[in-house]
Amino acid sequence: MTPIQNLFISQGFRVFFTIFVLFFIHIPLFFKVILIIISDFFDNCIPLRKIFPDWVDPNTEIYQISDKITDLVTYYILFIYLFRYRYLER
């Protein structure tokens, strides 16, 4: 696979991981948010470049744009979760 395909797969995994953590794992909200933050670290190429030498360069424009879009999507999913379970009303 090309580096761009690997990037999109890892970002898709991050979105699905966020959904899985929020809606299917029964742990306190604080730990869910920490897991989502940690998943952002694994998307940023540092660990993956050690495993896959042809990983996408984080200094490229495609990485920066797609990473920001993925961040917005995961934060929007988190907002929906907080709103749905009325965490914002407390």
PDB file of N, CA and C in Angstrom:
ATOM      1  N   MET A   1       0.835  -1.186   0.000  1.00  0.00           N
ATOM      2  CA  MET A   1       0.000   0.000   0.000  1.00  0.00           C
ATOM      3  C   MET A   1       0.874   1.242   0.000  1.00  0.00           C
ATOM      4  N   THR A   2       0.319   2.321  -0.489  1.00  0.00           N
ATOM      5  CA  THR A   2       1.054   3.578  -0.537  1.00  0.00           C
ATOM      6  C   THR A   2       0.985   4.262   0.822  1.00  0.00           C
ATOM      7  N   PRO A   3       1.868   5.201   1.091  1.00  0.00           N
ATOM      8  CA  PRO A   3       1.815   5.925   2.364  1.00  0.00           C
ATOM      9  C   PRO A   3       0.488   6.658   2.578  1.00  0.00           C
ATOM     10  N   ILE A   4      -0.103   7.182   1.516  1.00  0.00           N
ATOM     11  CA  ILE A   4      -1.376   7.895   1.663  1.00  0.00           C
ATOM     12  C   ILE A   4      -2.483   6.926   2.064  1.00  0.00           C
ATOM     13  N   GLN A   5      -2.491   5.729   1.474  1.00  0.00           N
ATOM     14  CA  GLN A   5      -3.490   4.731   1.853  1.00  0.00           C
ATOM     15  C   GLN A   5      -3.313   4.323   3.311  1.00  0.00           C
ATOM     16  N   ASN A   6      -2.074   4.152   3.740  1.00  0.00           N
ATOM     17  CA  ASN A   6      -1.805   3.825   5.144  1.00  0.00           C
ATOM     18  C   ASN A   6      -2.307   4.929   6.065  1.00  0.00           C
ATOM     19  N   LEU A   7      -2.109   6.163   5.656  1.00  0.00           N
ATOM     20  CA  LEU A   7      -2.566   7.298   6.458  1.00  0.00           C
ATOM     21  C   LEU A   7      -4.073   7.280   6.605  1.00  0.00           C
ATOM     22  N   PHE A   8      -4.795   7.078   5.512  1.00  0.00           N
ATOM     23  CA  PHE A   8      -6.251   7.075   5.576  1.00  0.00           C
ATOM     24  C   PHE A   8      -6.779   5.878   6.369  1.00  0.00           C
ATOM     25  N   ILE A   9      -6.106   4.750   6.286  1.00  0.00           N
ATOM     26  CA  ILE A   9      -6.508   3.589   7.084  1.00  0.00           C
ATOM     27  C   ILE A   9      -6.312   3.872   8.566  1.00  0.00           C
ATOM     28  N   SER A  10      -5.195   4.470   8.932  1.00  0.00           N
ATOM     29  CA  SER A  10      -4.940   4.755  10.344  1.00  0.00           C
ATOM     30  C   SER A  10      -5.916   5.801  10.881  1.00  0.00           C
ATOM     31  N   GLN A  11      -6.284   6.762  10.059  1.00  0.00           N
ATOM     32  CA  GLN A  11      -7.236   7.769  10.515  1.00  0.00           C
ATOM     33  C   GLN A  11      -8.646   7.198  10.612  1.00  0.00           C
ATOM     34  N   GLY A  12      -8.991   6.304   9.694  1.00  0.00           N
ATOM     35  CA  GLY A  12     -10.278   5.618   9.810  1.00  0.00           C
ATOM     36  C   GLY A  12     -10.330   4.762  11.057  1.00  0.00           C
ATOM     37  N   PHE A  13      -9.212   4.097  11.357  1.00  0.00           N
ATOM     38  CA  PHE A  13      -9.132   3.310  12.581  1.00  0.00           C
ATOM     39  C   PHE A  13      -9.324   4.197  13.804  1.00  0.00           C
ATOM     40  N   ARG A  14      -8.763   5.388  13.766  1.00  0.00           N
ATOM     41  CA  ARG A  14      -8.895   6.307  14.898  1.00  0.00           C
ATOM     42  C   ARG A  14     -10.344   6.719  15.120  1.00  0.00           C
ATOM     43  N   VAL A  15     -11.081   6.970  14.045  1.00  0.00           N
ATOM     44  CA  VAL A  15     -12.492   7.341  14.171  1.00  0.00           C
ATOM     45  C   VAL A  15     -13.291   6.165  14.742  1.00  0.00           C
ATOM     46  N   PHE A  16     -13.069   4.958  14.221  1.00  0.00           N
ATOM     47  CA  PHE A  16     -13.780   3.787  14.738  1.00  0.00           C
ATOM     48  C   PHE A  16     -13.378   3.478  16.178  1.00  0.00           C
ATOM     49  N   PHE A  17     -12.116   3.711  16.530  1.00  0.00           N
ATOM     50  CA  PHE A  17     -11.667   3.510  17.906  1.00  0.00           C
ATOM     51  C   PHE A  17     -12.384   4.469  18.844  1.00  0.00           C
ATOM     52  N   THR A  18     -12.566   5.707  18.415  1.00  0.00           N
ATOM     53  CA  THR A  18     -13.283   6.689  19.230  1.00  0.00           C
ATOM     54  C   THR A  18     -14.712   6.245  19.473  1.00  0.00           C
ATOM     55  N   ILE A  19     -15.387   5.800  18.436  1.00  0.00           N
ATOM     56  CA  ILE A  19     -16.764   5.317  18.577  1.00  0.00           C
ATOM     57  C   ILE A  19     -16.811   4.112  19.507  1.00  0.00           C
ATOM     58  N   PHE A  20     -15.878   3.184  19.334  1.00  0.00           N
ATOM     59  CA  PHE A  20     -15.840   1.986  20.170  1.00  0.00           C
ATOM     60  C   PHE A  20     -15.618   2.334  21.637  1.00  0.00           C
ATOM     61  N   VAL A  21     -14.656   3.203  21.902  1.00  0.00           N
ATOM     62  CA  VAL A  21     -14.354   3.579  23.288  1.00  0.00           C
ATOM     63  C   VAL A  21     -15.550   4.273  23.936  1.00  0.00           C
ATOM     64  N   LEU A  22     -16.171   5.185  23.229  1.00  0.00           N
ATOM     65  CA  LEU A  22     -17.251   5.963  23.825  1.00  0.00           C
ATOM     66  C   LEU A  22     -18.525   5.151  24.035  1.00  0.00           C
ATOM     67  N   PHE A  23     -18.893   4.340  23.070  1.00  0.00           N
ATOM     68  CA  PHE A  23     -20.205   3.711  23.122  1.00  0.00           C
ATOM     69  C   PHE A  23     -20.197   2.250  23.571  1.00  0.00           C
ATOM     70  N   PHE A  24     -19.046   1.594  23.577  1.00  0.00           N
ATOM     71  CA  PHE A  24     -19.046   0.169  23.887  1.00  0.00           C
ATOM     72  C   PHE A  24     -18.177  -0.239  25.069  1.00  0.00           C
ATOM     73  N   ILE A  25     -17.303   0.616  25.531  1.00  0.00           N
ATOM     74  CA  ILE A  25     -16.471   0.293  26.698  1.00  0.00           C
ATOM     75  C   ILE A  25     -17.062   1.009  27.912  1.00  0.00           C
ATOM     76  N   HIS A  26     -17.264   0.262  28.966  1.00  0.00           N
ATOM     77  CA  HIS A  26     -17.901   0.819  30.166  1.00  0.00           C
ATOM     78  C   HIS A  26     -16.839   1.162  31.212  1.00  0.00           C
ATOM     79  N   ILE A  27     -16.248   2.338  31.033  1.00  0.00           N
ATOM     80  CA  ILE A  27     -15.289   2.878  31.981  1.00  0.00           C
ATOM     81  C   ILE A  27     -15.675   4.339  32.225  1.00  0.00           C
ATOM     82  N   PRO A  28     -15.137   4.968  33.263  1.00  0.00           N
ATOM     83  CA  PRO A  28     -15.483   6.377  33.510  1.00  0.00           C
ATOM     84  C   PRO A  28     -15.107   7.284  32.333  1.00  0.00           C
ATOM     85  N   LEU A  29     -15.839   8.375  32.206  1.00  0.00           N
ATOM     86  CA  LEU A  29     -15.663   9.308  31.102  1.00  0.00           C
ATOM     87  C   LEU A  29     -14.234   9.839  31.014  1.00  0.00           C
ATOM     88  N   PHE A  30     -13.621  10.120  32.139  1.00  0.00           N
ATOM     89  CA  PHE A  30     -12.257  10.628  32.153  1.00  0.00           C
ATOM     90  C   PHE A  30     -11.308   9.691  31.405  1.00  0.00           C
ATOM     91  N   PHE A  31     -11.422   8.394  31.658  1.00  0.00           N
ATOM     92  CA  PHE A  31     -10.539   7.422  31.011  1.00  0.00           C
ATOM     93  C   PHE A  31     -10.853   7.286  29.527  1.00  0.00           C
ATOM     94  N   LYS A  32     -12.115   7.447  29.175  1.00  0.00           N
ATOM     95  CA  LYS A  32     -12.475   7.416  27.757  1.00  0.00           C
ATOM     96  C   LYS A  32     -11.802   8.564  27.006  1.00  0.00           C
ATOM     97  N   VAL A  33     -11.835   9.748  27.589  1.00  0.00           N
ATOM     98  CA  VAL A  33     -11.201  10.907  26.952  1.00  0.00           C
ATOM     99  C   VAL A  33      -9.695  10.704  26.855  1.00  0.00           C
ATOM    100  N   ILE A  34      -9.082  10.140  27.879  1.00  0.00           N
ATOM    101  CA  ILE A  34      -7.642   9.867  27.852  1.00  0.00           C
ATOM    102  C   ILE A  34      -7.314   8.879  26.731  1.00  0.00           C
ATOM    103  N   LEU A  35      -8.113   7.846  26.557  1.00  0.00           N
ATOM    104  CA  LEU A  35      -7.874   6.884  25.482  1.00  0.00           C
ATOM    105  C   LEU A  35      -7.985   7.540  24.106  1.00  0.00           C
ATOM    106  N   ILE A  36      -8.928   8.449  23.961  1.00  0.00           N
ATOM    107  CA  ILE A  36      -9.082   9.155  22.688  1.00  0.00           C
ATOM    108  C   ILE A  36      -7.872  10.045  22.421  1.00  0.00           C
ATOM    109  N   ILE A  37      -7.369  10.693  23.450  1.00  0.00           N
ATOM    110  CA  ILE A  37      -6.173  11.530  23.295  1.00  0.00           C
ATOM    111  C   ILE A  37      -4.967  10.669  22.923  1.00  0.00           C
ATOM    112  N   ILE A  38      -4.834   9.519  23.550  1.00  0.00           N
ATOM    113  CA  ILE A  38      -3.723   8.618  23.232  1.00  0.00           C
ATOM    114  C   ILE A  38      -3.832   8.118  21.792  1.00  0.00           C
ATOM    115  N   SER A  39      -5.054   7.882  21.325  1.00  0.00           N
ATOM    116  CA  SER A  39      -5.207   7.416  19.944  1.00  0.00           C
ATOM    117  C   SER A  39      -4.742   8.475  18.950  1.00  0.00           C
ATOM    118  N   ASP A  40      -4.817   9.741  19.310  1.00  0.00           N
ATOM    119  CA  ASP A  40      -4.304  10.795  18.440  1.00  0.00           C
ATOM    120  C   ASP A  40      -2.779  10.711  18.329  1.00  0.00           C
ATOM    121  N   PHE A  41      -2.116  10.301  19.386  1.00  0.00           N
ATOM    122  CA  PHE A  41      -0.662  10.151  19.355  1.00  0.00           C
ATOM    123  C   PHE A  41      -0.236   9.079  18.357  1.00  0.00           C
ATOM    124  N   PHE A  42      -0.984   7.972  18.301  1.00  0.00           N
ATOM    125  CA  PHE A  42      -0.608   6.894  17.392  1.00  0.00           C
ATOM    126  C   PHE A  42      -0.891   7.243  15.940  1.00  0.00           C
ATOM    127  N   ASP A  43      -1.713   8.228  15.716  1.00  0.00           N
ATOM    128  CA  ASP A  43      -2.013   8.656  14.352  1.00  0.00           C
ATOM    129  C   ASP A  43      -0.931   9.579  13.813  1.00  0.00           C
ATOM    130  N   ASN A  44      -0.135  10.156  14.674  1.00  0.00           N
ATOM    131  CA  ASN A  44       0.781  11.210  14.228  1.00  0.00           C
ATOM    132  C   ASN A  44       2.099  10.709  13.649  1.00  0.00           C
ATOM    133  N   CYS A  45       2.145   9.467  13.254  1.00  0.00           N
ATOM    134  CA  CYS A  45       3.251   8.911  12.471  1.00  0.00           C
ATOM    135  C   CYS A  45       4.496   8.520  13.259  1.00  0.00           C
ATOM    136  N   ILE A  46       4.733   9.005  14.428  1.00  0.00           N
ATOM    137  CA  ILE A  46       5.986   8.705  15.111  1.00  0.00           C
ATOM    138  C   ILE A  46       6.128   7.209  15.399  1.00  0.00           C
ATOM    139  N   PRO A  47       5.148   6.566  16.044  1.00  0.00           N
ATOM    140  CA  PRO A  47       5.318   5.131  16.279  1.00  0.00           C
ATOM    141  C   PRO A  47       5.244   4.314  14.987  1.00  0.00           C
ATOM    142  N   LEU A  48       4.398   4.739  14.070  1.00  0.00           N
ATOM    143  CA  LEU A  48       4.196   3.971  12.853  1.00  0.00           C
ATOM    144  C   LEU A  48       5.372   4.073  11.895  1.00  0.00           C
ATOM    145  N   ARG A  49       6.115   5.166  11.943  1.00  0.00           N
ATOM    146  CA  ARG A  49       7.294   5.301  11.065  1.00  0.00           C
ATOM    147  C   ARG A  49       8.399   4.348  11.490  1.00  0.00           C
ATOM    148  N   LYS A  50       8.406   3.942  12.756  1.00  0.00           N
ATOM    149  CA  LYS A  50       9.394   2.967  13.209  1.00  0.00           C
ATOM    150  C   LYS A  50       9.045   1.565  12.731  1.00  0.00           C
ATOM    151  N   ILE A  51       7.745   1.291  12.597  1.00  0.00           N
ATOM    152  CA  ILE A  51       7.303  -0.024  12.136  1.00  0.00           C
ATOM    153  C   ILE A  51       7.305  -0.094  10.610  1.00  0.00           C
ATOM    154  N   PHE A  52       6.764   0.961   9.985  1.00  0.00           N
ATOM    155  CA  PHE A  52       6.661   1.015   8.528  1.00  0.00           C
ATOM    156  C   PHE A  52       7.550   2.148   8.007  1.00  0.00           C
ATOM    157  N   PRO A  53       8.672   1.838   7.405  1.00  0.00           N
ATOM    158  CA  PRO A  53       9.594   2.898   6.976  1.00  0.00           C
ATOM    159  C   PRO A  53       9.036   3.806   5.872  1.00  0.00           C
ATOM    160  N   ASP A  54       8.044   3.329   5.128  1.00  0.00           N
ATOM    161  CA  ASP A  54       7.489   4.163   4.055  1.00  0.00           C
ATOM    162  C   ASP A  54       6.222   4.893   4.494  1.00  0.00           C
ATOM    163  N   TRP A  55       6.096   5.161   5.791  1.00  0.00           N
ATOM    164  CA  TRP A  55       4.925   5.868   6.306  1.00  0.00           C
ATOM    165  C   TRP A  55       4.937   7.309   5.818  1.00  0.00           C
ATOM    166  N   VAL A  56       3.777   7.928   5.791  1.00  0.00           N
ATOM    167  CA  VAL A  56       3.663   9.285   5.270  1.00  0.00           C
ATOM    168  C   VAL A  56       4.410  10.273   6.171  1.00  0.00           C
ATOM    169  N   ASP A  57       5.007  11.263   5.564  1.00  0.00           N
ATOM    170  CA  ASP A  57       5.750  12.295   6.288  1.00  0.00           C
ATOM    171  C   ASP A  57       4.757  13.246   6.961  1.00  0.00           C
ATOM    172  N   PRO A  58       4.861  13.451   8.280  1.00  0.00           N
ATOM    173  CA  PRO A  58       3.904  14.323   8.961  1.00  0.00           C
ATOM    174  C   PRO A  58       4.050  15.800   8.587  1.00  0.00           C
ATOM    175  N   ASN A  59       5.080  16.146   7.861  1.00  0.00           N
ATOM    176  CA  ASN A  59       5.266  17.537   7.468  1.00  0.00           C
ATOM    177  C   ASN A  59       4.605  17.867   6.135  1.00  0.00           C
ATOM    178  N   THR A  60       3.941  16.900   5.532  1.00  0.00           N
ATOM    179  CA  THR A  60       3.290  17.151   4.251  1.00  0.00           C
ATOM    180  C   THR A  60       1.920  17.783   4.455  1.00  0.00           C
ATOM    181  N   GLU A  61       1.457  18.439   3.428  1.00  0.00           N
ATOM    182  CA  GLU A  61       0.163  19.116   3.502  1.00  0.00           C
ATOM    183  C   GLU A  61      -0.990  18.125   3.622  1.00  0.00           C
ATOM    184  N   ILE A  62      -0.914  16.992   2.921  1.00  0.00           N
ATOM    185  CA  ILE A  62      -1.990  16.002   2.974  1.00  0.00           C
ATOM    186  C   ILE A  62      -2.140  15.447   4.387  1.00  0.00           C
ATOM    187  N   TYR A  63      -1.015  15.244   5.068  1.00  0.00           N
ATOM    188  CA  TYR A  63      -1.102  14.755   6.444  1.00  0.00           C
ATOM    189  C   TYR A  63      -1.742  15.805   7.347  1.00  0.00           C
ATOM    190  N   GLN A  64      -1.290  17.029   7.242  1.00  0.00           N
ATOM    191  CA  GLN A  64      -1.801  18.084   8.117  1.00  0.00           C
ATOM    192  C   GLN A  64      -3.300  18.291   7.926  1.00  0.00           C
ATOM    193  N   ILE A  65      -3.750  18.335   6.688  1.00  0.00           N
ATOM    194  CA  ILE A  65      -5.177  18.560   6.419  1.00  0.00           C
ATOM    195  C   ILE A  65      -6.008  17.374   6.892  1.00  0.00           C
ATOM    196  N   SER A  66      -5.591  16.165   6.540  1.00  0.00           N
ATOM    197  CA  SER A  66      -6.385  14.995   6.922  1.00  0.00           C
ATOM    198  C   SER A  66      -6.366  14.776   8.433  1.00  0.00           C
ATOM    199  N   ASP A  67      -5.268  15.119   9.095  1.00  0.00           N
ATOM    200  CA  ASP A  67      -5.215  14.983  10.547  1.00  0.00           C
ATOM    201  C   ASP A  67      -6.168  15.961  11.228  1.00  0.00           C
ATOM    202  N   LYS A  68      -6.248  17.166  10.724  1.00  0.00           N
ATOM    203  CA  LYS A  68      -7.173  18.150  11.316  1.00  0.00           C
ATOM    204  C   LYS A  68      -8.624  17.734  11.091  1.00  0.00           C
ATOM    205  N   ILE A  69      -8.910  17.183   9.921  1.00  0.00           N
ATOM    206  CA  ILE A  69     -10.265  16.699   9.662  1.00  0.00           C
ATOM    207  C   ILE A  69     -10.602  15.547  10.606  1.00  0.00           C
ATOM    208  N   THR A  70      -9.662  14.638  10.804  1.00  0.00           N
ATOM    209  CA  THR A  70      -9.886  13.516  11.717  1.00  0.00           C
ATOM    210  C   THR A  70     -10.068  14.012  13.145  1.00  0.00           C
ATOM    211  N   ASP A  71      -9.290  15.005  13.550  1.00  0.00           N
ATOM    212  CA  ASP A  71      -9.471  15.600  14.875  1.00  0.00           C
ATOM    213  C   ASP A  71     -10.878  16.156  15.037  1.00  0.00           C
ATOM    214  N   LEU A  72     -11.344  16.897  14.043  1.00  0.00           N
ATOM    215  CA  LEU A  72     -12.690  17.473  14.116  1.00  0.00           C
ATOM    216  C   LEU A  72     -13.758  16.394  14.195  1.00  0.00           C
ATOM    217  N   VAL A  73     -13.598  15.331  13.425  1.00  0.00           N
ATOM    218  CA  VAL A  73     -14.581  14.249  13.442  1.00  0.00           C
ATOM    219  C   VAL A  73     -14.611  13.575  14.810  1.00  0.00           C
ATOM    220  N   THR A  74     -13.451  13.278  15.383  1.00  0.00           N
ATOM    221  CA  THR A  74     -13.434  12.618  16.688  1.00  0.00           C
ATOM    222  C   THR A  74     -13.966  13.540  17.785  1.00  0.00           C
ATOM    223  N   TYR A  75     -13.682  14.833  17.709  1.00  0.00           N
ATOM    224  CA  TYR A  75     -14.223  15.757  18.710  1.00  0.00           C
ATOM    225  C   TYR A  75     -15.726  15.916  18.551  1.00  0.00           C
ATOM    226  N   TYR A  76     -16.212  15.864  17.336  1.00  0.00           N
ATOM    227  CA  TYR A  76     -17.652  15.945  17.102  1.00  0.00           C
ATOM    228  C   TYR A  76     -18.341  14.697  17.658  1.00  0.00           C
ATOM    229  N   ILE A  77     -17.738  13.526  17.472  1.00  0.00           N
ATOM    230  CA  ILE A  77     -18.296  12.298  18.040  1.00  0.00           C
ATOM    231  C   ILE A  77     -18.309  12.381  19.560  1.00  0.00           C
ATOM    232  N   LEU A  78     -17.255  12.910  20.146  1.00  0.00           N
ATOM    233  CA  LEU A  78     -17.198  13.093  21.598  1.00  0.00           C
ATOM    234  C   LEU A  78     -18.284  14.059  22.058  1.00  0.00           C
ATOM    235  N   PHE A  79     -18.499  15.148  21.314  1.00  0.00           N
ATOM    236  CA  PHE A  79     -19.552  16.092  21.668  1.00  0.00           C
ATOM    237  C   PHE A  79     -20.927  15.428  21.622  1.00  0.00           C
ATOM    238  N   ILE A  80     -21.181  14.634  20.585  1.00  0.00           N
ATOM    239  CA  ILE A  80     -22.456  13.921  20.480  1.00  0.00           C
ATOM    240  C   ILE A  80     -22.644  12.988  21.673  1.00  0.00           C
ATOM    241  N   TYR A  81     -21.587  12.300  22.053  1.00  0.00           N
ATOM    242  CA  TYR A  81     -21.659  11.400  23.205  1.00  0.00           C
ATOM    243  C   TYR A  81     -21.987  12.186  24.476  1.00  0.00           C
ATOM    244  N   LEU A  82     -21.295  13.282  24.694  1.00  0.00           N
ATOM    245  CA  LEU A  82     -21.539  14.085  25.893  1.00  0.00           C
ATOM    246  C   LEU A  82     -22.952  14.645  25.907  1.00  0.00           C
ATOM    247  N   PHE A  83     -23.428  15.066  24.778  1.00  0.00           N
ATOM    248  CA  PHE A  83     -24.777  15.618  24.679  1.00  0.00           C
ATOM    249  C   PHE A  83     -25.828  14.522  24.850  1.00  0.00           C
ATOM    250  N   ARG A  84     -25.602  13.381  24.236  1.00  0.00           N
ATOM    251  CA  ARG A  84     -26.577  12.285  24.291  1.00  0.00           C
ATOM    252  C   ARG A  84     -26.760  11.764  25.706  1.00  0.00           C
ATOM    253  N   TYR A  85     -25.684  11.627  26.440  1.00  0.00           N
ATOM    254  CA  TYR A  85     -25.768  11.100  27.798  1.00  0.00           C
ATOM    255  C   TYR A  85     -25.837  12.199  28.853  1.00  0.00           C
ATOM    256  N   ARG A  86     -26.109  13.391  28.432  1.00  0.00           N
ATOM    257  CA  ARG A  86     -26.389  14.550  29.283  1.00  0.00           C
ATOM    258  C   ARG A  86     -25.253  14.874  30.255  1.00  0.00           C
ATOM    259  N   TYR A  87     -24.013  14.683  29.818  1.00  0.00           N
ATOM    260  CA  TYR A  87     -22.879  15.067  30.644  1.00  0.00           C
ATOM    261  C   TYR A  87     -22.730  16.578  30.689  1.00  0.00           C
ATOM    262  N   LEU A  88     -23.266  17.279  29.712  1.00  0.00           N
ATOM    263  CA  LEU A  88     -23.135  18.738  29.649  1.00  0.00           C
ATOM    264  C   LEU A  88     -24.116  19.451  30.561  1.00  0.00           C
ATOM    265  N   GLU A  89     -25.117  18.760  31.070  1.00  0.00           N
ATOM    266  CA  GLU A  89     -26.137  19.394  31.903  1.00  0.00           C
ATOM    267  C   GLU A  89     -25.787  19.365  33.389  1.00  0.00           C
ATOM    268  N   ARG A  90     -24.748  18.701  33.763  1.00  0.00           N
ATOM    269  CA  ARG A  90     -24.440  18.562  35.190  1.00  0.00           C
ATOM    270  C   ARG A  90     -23.716  19.756  35.710  1.00  0.00           C
TER     271      ARG A  90
END
